[in-house]
Amino acid sequence: MDVNAAAEPAGFVEPAVPPAPGEEQYPALAFANSAIASPGGRFTDFLGTPAQANQWLADRDLAPVDAGLREMCTAQLRSLREQIRSLLASRVEASPALPAALSAVNDAMTKVPTASLLRWDEKNGPYRTPPHPTTEIVDHALATLAADAADLLTGPDAERLTACGSPPCGRYLLRHGRRHWCSTRCGDRARAARAYARRTRAGAGTD
């Protein structure tokens, strides 16, 4: 996906697009698809601002709605998204993964503890604390999404992973049968493009 495509003007609302097949099962797939390219050079990024990113995470129970994300955290999310997209592309295309993408996912997974930490209070002695205090909300979300991407890429569903076959859409999906489109909208657009191409060839043949 061309992240340099023209962004939508302020106030524009992207028509509702249903989740691509597999997104509800794998949050990392929804994460990779959180930037949408549309015909006409339009581009919608659901992590485009801290408020949008906070809402996207809150909708998936990865952050409280009032987490108050800042731009630095939002940029971290967008960066991991591009690295996960790179790994998905490598899997779909059967090409070697970029070392930087692997490092980014592994770093995200290992940055936060996976067990309650042991603390010691001078008055009450030892106690355990949750592994993800509120100050580490974004790190927790990044680790969760990175681990989910690793599960997708190494699990049985990886064989069904494919890219939407209707340019300019750049979403990924889990294929069902022969379906290679992430939505009915993209399927209709692909069929219309094929029909137009056939008419054009037929017209050229009659000249």
Foldseek 3Di string as FASTA:
>chain_A
DPPPFDEDDPPDDDPDFDFFAPCVVFVLLVLLQQWWADPPRYIYHQLPAQLSVLVSCCVVVLAPNPLPDHPVLSVLSVVLSVLLLQVLVCLQVVHDRDPVSVVSLVCLQPVWDPDFDWDADPVPGIDTHDRAPSVCSSSSSSNRSSVSSVCCCPDPQSVQWHAAPAPPTGHIHRDDPPHRHRGVVSVVRVVVVVVVVVVVVVVVVVD
